[in-house]
Amino acid sequence: EVTSAGSQYAGKGMSYIPVAFVYGFIKTGL
């Protein structure tokens, strides 16, 4: 019933780490 932050990228693999940084620090964090 519940999803966590950035769950739309679940299972995408390590190539999505830069995307995770943008999501975490800019889109949501800042």
All heavy atoms as atom14 arrays in JSON, in Angstrom:
{
  "sequence": "EVTSAGSQYAGKGMSYIPVAFVYGFIKTGL",
  "atom14_mask": [
    [1, 1, 1, 1, 1, 1, 1, 1, 1, 0, 0, 0, 0, 0],
    [1, 1, 1, 1, 1, 1, 1, 0, 0, 0, 0, 0, 0, 0],
    [1, 1, 1, 1, 1, 1, 1, 0, 0, 0, 0, 0, 0, 0],
    [1, 1, 1, 1, 1, 1, 0, 0, 0, 0, 0, 0, 0, 0],
    [1, 1, 1, 1, 1, 0, 0, 0, 0, 0, 0, 0, 0, 0],
    [1, 1, 1, 1, 0, 0, 0, 0, 0, 0, 0, 0, 0, 0],
    [1, 1, 1, 1, 1, 1, 0, 0, 0, 0, 0, 0, 0, 0],
    [1, 1, 1, 1, 1, 1, 1, 1, 1, 0, 0, 0, 0, 0],
    [1, 1, 1, 1, 1, 1, 1, 1, 1, 1, 1, 1, 0, 0],
    [1, 1, 1, 1, 1, 0, 0, 0, 0, 0, 0, 0, 0, 0],
    [1, 1, 1, 1, 0, 0, 0, 0, 0, 0, 0, 0, 0, 0],
    [1, 1, 1, 1, 1, 1, 1, 1, 1, 0, 0, 0, 0, 0],
    [1, 1, 1, 1, 0, 0, 0, 0, 0, 0, 0, 0, 0, 0],
    [1, 1, 1, 1, 1, 1, 1, 1, 0, 0, 0, 0, 0, 0],
    [1, 1, 1, 1, 1, 1, 0, 0, 0, 0, 0, 0, 0, 0],
    [1, 1, 1, 1, 1, 1, 1, 1, 1, 1, 1, 1, 0, 0],
    [1, 1, 1, 1, 1, 1, 1, 1, 0, 0, 0, 0, 0, 0],
    [1, 1, 1, 1, 1, 1, 1, 0, 0, 0, 0, 0, 0, 0],
    [1, 1, 1, 1, 1, 1, 1, 0, 0, 0, 0, 0, 0, 0],
    [1, 1, 1, 1, 1, 0, 0, 0, 0, 0, 0, 0, 0, 0],
    [1, 1, 1, 1, 1, 1, 1, 1, 1, 1, 1, 0, 0, 0],
    [1, 1, 1, 1, 1, 1, 1, 0, 0, 0, 0, 0, 0, 0],
    [1, 1, 1, 1, 1, 1, 1, 1, 1, 1, 1, 1, 0, 0],
    [1, 1, 1, 1, 0, 0, 0, 0, 0, 0, 0, 0, 0, 0],
    [1, 1, 1, 1, 1, 1, 1, 1, 1, 1, 1, 0, 0, 0],
    [1, 1, 1, 1, 1, 1, 1, 1, 0, 0, 0, 0, 0, 0],
    [1, 1, 1, 1, 1, 1, 1, 1, 1, 0, 0, 0, 0, 0],
    [1, 1, 1, 1, 1, 1, 1, 0, 0, 0, 0, 0, 0, 0],
    [1, 1, 1, 1, 0, 0, 0, 0, 0, 0, 0, 0, 0, 0],
    [1, 1, 1, 1, 1, 1, 1, 1, 0, 0, 0, 0, 0, 0]
  ],
  "atom14_positions": [
    [[0.82, -1.21, 0.0], [0.0, 0.0, 0.0], [0.85, 1.27, 0.0], [0.38, 2.34, -0.32], [-0.9, 0.02, 1.24], [-1.94, -1.08, 1.26], [-2.93, -0.87, 2.4], [-3.75, 0.06, 2.3], [-2.88, -1.63, 3.37], [0.0, 0.0, 0.0], [0.0, 0.0, 0.0], [0.0, 0.0, 0.0], [0.0, 0.0, 0.0], [0.0, 0.0, 0.0]],
    [[2.11, 1.12, 0.41], [2.96, 2.29, 0.61], [4.21, 2.18, -0.26], [4.8, 1.12, -0.38], [3.39, 2.41, 2.09], [4.24, 3.65, 2.3], [2.18, 2.45, 2.99], [0.0, 0.0, 0.0], [0.0, 0.0, 0.0], [0.0, 0.0, 0.0], [0.0, 0.0, 0.0], [0.0, 0.0, 0.0], [0.0, 0.0, 0.0], [0.0, 0.0, 0.0]],
    [[4.59, 3.29, -0.85], [5.85, 3.35, -1.59], [6.78, 4.32, -0.89], [6.34, 5.2, -0.16], [5.62, 3.85, -3.03], [4.96, 5.12, -2.99], [4.76, 2.86, -3.81], [0.0, 0.0, 0.0], [0.0, 0.0, 0.0], [0.0, 0.0, 0.0], [0.0, 0.0, 0.0], [0.0, 0.0, 0.0], [0.0, 0.0, 0.0], [0.0, 0.0, 0.0]],
    [[8.07, 4.15, -1.08], [9.05, 5.03, -0.44], [9.57, 6.06, -1.43], [9.24, 6.02, -2.62], [10.21, 4.19, 0.11], [10.82, 3.48, -0.94], [0.0, 0.0, 0.0], [0.0, 0.0, 0.0], [0.0, 0.0, 0.0], [0.0, 0.0, 0.0], [0.0, 0.0, 0.0], [0.0, 0.0, 0.0], [0.0, 0.0, 0.0], [0.0, 0.0, 0.0]],
    [[10.4, 6.97, -0.94], [10.97, 8.02, -1.78], [11.72, 7.4, -2.96], [12.51, 6.47, -2.79], [11.92, 8.88, -0.97], [0.0, 0.0, 0.0], [0.0, 0.0, 0.0], [0.0, 0.0, 0.0], [0.0, 0.0, 0.0], [0.0, 0.0, 0.0], [0.0, 0.0, 0.0], [0.0, 0.0, 0.0], [0.0, 0.0, 0.0], [0.0, 0.0, 0.0]],
    [[11.46, 7.92, -4.15], [12.17, 7.45, -5.33], [11.79, 6.07, -5.81], [12.49, 5.47, -6.62], [0.0, 0.0, 0.0], [0.0, 0.0, 0.0], [0.0, 0.0, 0.0], [0.0, 0.0, 0.0], [0.0, 0.0, 0.0], [0.0, 0.0, 0.0], [0.0, 0.0, 0.0], [0.0, 0.0, 0.0], [0.0, 0.0, 0.0], [0.0, 0.0, 0.0]],
    [[10.66, 5.54, -5.31], [10.29, 4.16, -5.66], [9.97, 4.01, -7.15], [9.93, 2.89, -7.66], [9.09, 3.71, -4.82], [7.99, 4.56, -5.03], [0.0, 0.0, 0.0], [0.0, 0.0, 0.0], [0.0, 0.0, 0.0], [0.0, 0.0, 0.0], [0.0, 0.0, 0.0], [0.0, 0.0, 0.0], [0.0, 0.0, 0.0], [0.0, 0.0, 0.0]],
    [[9.75, 5.14, -7.85], [9.5, 5.04, -9.29], [10.72, 4.52, -10.04], [10.62, 4.12, -11.2], [9.04, 6.38, -9.87], [10.1, 7.47, -9.86], [10.04, 8.35, -8.62], [9.77, 7.88, -7.53], [10.31, 9.63, -8.79], [0.0, 0.0, 0.0], [0.0, 0.0, 0.0], [0.0, 0.0, 0.0], [0.0, 0.0, 0.0], [0.0, 0.0, 0.0]],
    [[11.9, 4.53, -9.36], [13.12, 4.04, -10.0], [13.53, 2.66, -9.49], [14.62, 2.2, -9.76], [14.26, 5.04, -9.77], [13.95, 6.4, -10.34], [13.86, 7.53, -9.53], [13.71, 6.56, -11.7], [13.55, 8.78, -10.06], [13.39, 7.8, -12.24], [13.32, 8.89, -11.41], [13.01, 10.12, -11.95], [0.0, 0.0, 0.0], [0.0, 0.0, 0.0]],
    [[12.63, 2.01, -8.74], [12.94, 0.69, -8.19], [13.32, -0.29, -9.28], [12.66, -0.38, -10.32], [11.74, 0.18, -7.4], [0.0, 0.0, 0.0], [0.0, 0.0, 0.0], [0.0, 0.0, 0.0], [0.0, 0.0, 0.0], [0.0, 0.0, 0.0], [0.0, 0.0, 0.0], [0.0, 0.0, 0.0], [0.0, 0.0, 0.0], [0.0, 0.0, 0.0]],
    [[14.42, -1.0, -9.05], [14.85, -2.04, -9.97], [15.57, -1.56, -11.21], [15.89, -2.37, -12.09], [0.0, 0.0, 0.0], [0.0, 0.0, 0.0], [0.0, 0.0, 0.0], [0.0, 0.0, 0.0], [0.0, 0.0, 0.0], [0.0, 0.0, 0.0], [0.0, 0.0, 0.0], [0.0, 0.0, 0.0], [0.0, 0.0, 0.0], [0.0, 0.0, 0.0]],
    [[15.84, -0.26, -11.29], [16.46, 0.28, -12.52], [17.95, 0.02, -12.6], [18.55, 0.12, -13.66], [16.2, 1.79, -12.6], [14.73, 2.17, -12.73], [14.14, 1.69, -14.04], [12.72, 2.19, -14.22], [12.12, 1.72, -15.48], [0.0, 0.0, 0.0], [0.0, 0.0, 0.0], [0.0, 0.0, 0.0], [0.0, 0.0, 0.0], [0.0, 0.0, 0.0]],
    [[18.6, -0.27, -11.48], [20.02, -0.58, -11.51], [20.91, 0.6, -11.15], [20.46, 1.75, -11.03], [0.0, 0.0, 0.0], [0.0, 0.0, 0.0], [0.0, 0.0, 0.0], [0.0, 0.0, 0.0], [0.0, 0.0, 0.0], [0.0, 0.0, 0.0], [0.0, 0.0, 0.0], [0.0, 0.0, 0.0], [0.0, 0.0, 0.0], [0.0, 0.0, 0.0]],
    [[22.2, 0.3, -10.99], [23.17, 1.28, -10.5], [23.38, 2.46, -11.45], [23.85, 3.51, -11.02], [24.52, 0.58, -10.24], [24.42, -0.57, -9.23], [23.69, -0.05, -7.66], [25.11, 0.65, -6.87], [0.0, 0.0, 0.0], [0.0, 0.0, 0.0], [0.0, 0.0, 0.0], [0.0, 0.0, 0.0], [0.0, 0.0, 0.0], [0.0, 0.0, 0.0]],
    [[23.04, 2.31, -12.7], [23.2, 3.43, -13.64], [22.28, 4.6, -13.29], [22.47, 5.7, -13.79], [22.93, 2.96, -15.07], [21.57, 2.56, -15.22], [0.0, 0.0, 0.0], [0.0, 0.0, 0.0], [0.0, 0.0, 0.0], [0.0, 0.0, 0.0], [0.0, 0.0, 0.0], [0.0, 0.0, 0.0], [0.0, 0.0, 0.0], [0.0, 0.0, 0.0]],
    [[21.3, 4.35, -12.42], [20.36, 5.39, -12.02], [20.81, 6.15, -10.76], [20.08, 7.0, -10.27], [18.97, 4.8, -11.8], [18.13, 4.75, -13.05], [18.48, 3.92, -14.11], [17.01, 5.56, -13.2], [17.73, 3.87, -15.27], [16.25, 5.52, -14.36], [16.61, 4.67, -15.39], [15.87, 4.63, -16.53], [0.0, 0.0, 0.0], [0.0, 0.0, 0.0]],
    [[22.03, 5.87, -10.25], [22.51, 6.57, -9.06], [22.56, 8.09, -9.28], [22.13, 8.85, -8.41], [23.88, 6.02, -8.61], [23.67, 4.63, -7.99], [24.56, 6.95, -7.61], [24.94, 3.93, -7.56], [0.0, 0.0, 0.0], [0.0, 0.0, 0.0], [0.0, 0.0, 0.0], [0.0, 0.0, 0.0], [0.0, 0.0, 0.0], [0.0, 0.0, 0.0]],
    [[23.06, 8.6, -10.44], [23.02, 10.06, -10.64], [21.6, 10.62, -10.6], [21.37, 11.72, -10.09], [23.65, 10.24, -12.03], [24.5, 9.04, -12.21], [23.77, 7.92, -11.53], [0.0, 0.0, 0.0], [0.0, 0.0, 0.0], [0.0, 0.0, 0.0], [0.0, 0.0, 0.0], [0.0, 0.0, 0.0], [0.0, 0.0, 0.0], [0.0, 0.0, 0.0]],
    [[20.63, 9.85, -11.11], [19.23, 10.27, -11.07], [18.76, 10.34, -9.62], [18.04, 11.27, -9.22], [18.34, 9.29, -11.87], [16.88, 9.67, -11.76], [18.77, 9.26, -13.33], [0.0, 0.0, 0.0], [0.0, 0.0, 0.0], [0.0, 0.0, 0.0], [0.0, 0.0, 0.0], [0.0, 0.0, 0.0], [0.0, 0.0, 0.0], [0.0, 0.0, 0.0]],
    [[19.19, 9.36, -8.81], [18.82, 9.34, -7.39], [19.36, 10.57, -6.67], [18.68, 11.15, -5.81], [19.36, 8.07, -6.73], [0.0, 0.0, 0.0], [0.0, 0.0, 0.0], [0.0, 0.0, 0.0], [0.0, 0.0, 0.0], [0.0, 0.0, 0.0], [0.0, 0.0, 0.0], [0.0, 0.0, 0.0], [0.0, 0.0, 0.0], [0.0, 0.0, 0.0]],
    [[20.56, 11.0, -7.02], [21.14, 12.21, -6.41], [20.33, 13.45, -6.78], [20.06, 14.3, -5.92], [22.6, 12.38, -6.83], [23.57, 11.7, -5.92], [23.95, 10.39, -6.16], [24.09, 12.35, -4.82], [24.84, 9.74, -5.31], [24.98, 11.72, -3.96], [25.35, 10.4, -4.2], [0.0, 0.0, 0.0], [0.0, 0.0, 0.0], [0.0, 0.0, 0.0]],
    [[19.96, 13.57, -8.02], [19.15, 14.72, -8.45], [17.8, 14.71, -7.75], [17.34, 15.74, -7.24], [18.96, 14.72, -9.99], [17.94, 15.78, -10.41], [20.29, 14.97, -10.69], [0.0, 0.0, 0.0], [0.0, 0.0, 0.0], [0.0, 0.0, 0.0], [0.0, 0.0, 0.0], [0.0, 0.0, 0.0], [0.0, 0.0, 0.0], [0.0, 0.0, 0.0]],
    [[17.19, 13.53, -7.69], [15.89, 13.4, -7.02], [16.02, 13.76, -5.54], [15.21, 14.52, -4.99], [15.37, 11.97, -7.17], [14.12, 11.71, -6.38], [12.87, 12.07, -6.88], [14.18, 11.14, -5.11], [11.71, 11.86, -6.14], [13.03, 10.92, -4.37], [11.81, 11.29, -4.89], [10.66, 11.08, -4.15], [0.0, 0.0, 0.0], [0.0, 0.0, 0.0]],
    [[17.05, 13.21, -4.87], [17.19, 13.4, -3.44], [17.61, 14.8, -3.03], [17.05, 15.36, -2.08], [0.0, 0.0, 0.0], [0.0, 0.0, 0.0], [0.0, 0.0, 0.0], [0.0, 0.0, 0.0], [0.0, 0.0, 0.0], [0.0, 0.0, 0.0], [0.0, 0.0, 0.0], [0.0, 0.0, 0.0], [0.0, 0.0, 0.0], [0.0, 0.0, 0.0]],
    [[18.56, 15.38, -3.75], [19.12, 16.66, -3.32], [18.45, 17.88, -3.94], [18.45, 18.95, -3.33], [20.63, 16.7, -3.61], [21.44, 15.96, -2.58], [21.78, 14.64, -2.78], [21.83, 16.58, -1.41], [22.51, 13.94, -1.83], [22.58, 15.91, -0.45], [22.92, 14.58, -0.66], [0.0, 0.0, 0.0], [0.0, 0.0, 0.0], [0.0, 0.0, 0.0]],
    [[17.91, 17.74, -5.14], [17.31, 18.91, -5.8], [15.79, 18.84, -5.8], [15.12, 19.71, -5.24], [17.85, 19.06, -7.25], [19.37, 19.3, -7.21], [17.14, 20.22, -7.96], [20.02, 19.36, -8.57], [0.0, 0.0, 0.0], [0.0, 0.0, 0.0], [0.0, 0.0, 0.0], [0.0, 0.0, 0.0], [0.0, 0.0, 0.0], [0.0, 0.0, 0.0]],
    [[15.26, 17.79, -6.4], [13.8, 17.73, -6.59], [13.05, 17.7, -5.27], [12.04, 18.39, -5.11], [13.43, 16.51, -7.44], [11.96, 16.51, -7.85], [11.68, 15.42, -8.85], [10.27, 15.5, -9.38], [10.01, 14.48, -10.41], [0.0, 0.0, 0.0], [0.0, 0.0, 0.0], [0.0, 0.0, 0.0], [0.0, 0.0, 0.0], [0.0, 0.0, 0.0]],
    [[13.51, 16.89, -4.33], [12.81, 16.82, -3.04], [13.54, 17.61, -1.97], [12.95, 18.47, -1.32], [12.63, 15.35, -2.59], [13.9, 14.7, -2.56], [11.71, 14.61, -3.55], [0.0, 0.0, 0.0], [0.0, 0.0, 0.0], [0.0, 0.0, 0.0], [0.0, 0.0, 0.0], [0.0, 0.0, 0.0], [0.0, 0.0, 0.0], [0.0, 0.0, 0.0]],
    [[14.82, 17.35, -1.77], [15.57, 17.98, -0.69], [15.55, 19.5, -0.72], [15.08, 20.15, 0.21], [0.0, 0.0, 0.0], [0.0, 0.0, 0.0], [0.0, 0.0, 0.0], [0.0, 0.0, 0.0], [0.0, 0.0, 0.0], [0.0, 0.0, 0.0], [0.0, 0.0, 0.0], [0.0, 0.0, 0.0], [0.0, 0.0, 0.0], [0.0, 0.0, 0.0]],
    [[16.04, 20.09, -1.8], [16.14, 21.54, -1.87], [14.78, 22.21, -1.93], [14.52, 23.18, -1.2], [16.98, 21.96, -3.08], [17.19, 23.47, -3.27], [17.82, 24.1, -2.03], [18.04, 23.73, -4.52], [0.0, 0.0, 0.0], [0.0, 0.0, 0.0], [0.0, 0.0, 0.0], [0.0, 0.0, 0.0], [0.0, 0.0, 0.0], [0.0, 0.0, 0.0]]
  ]
}
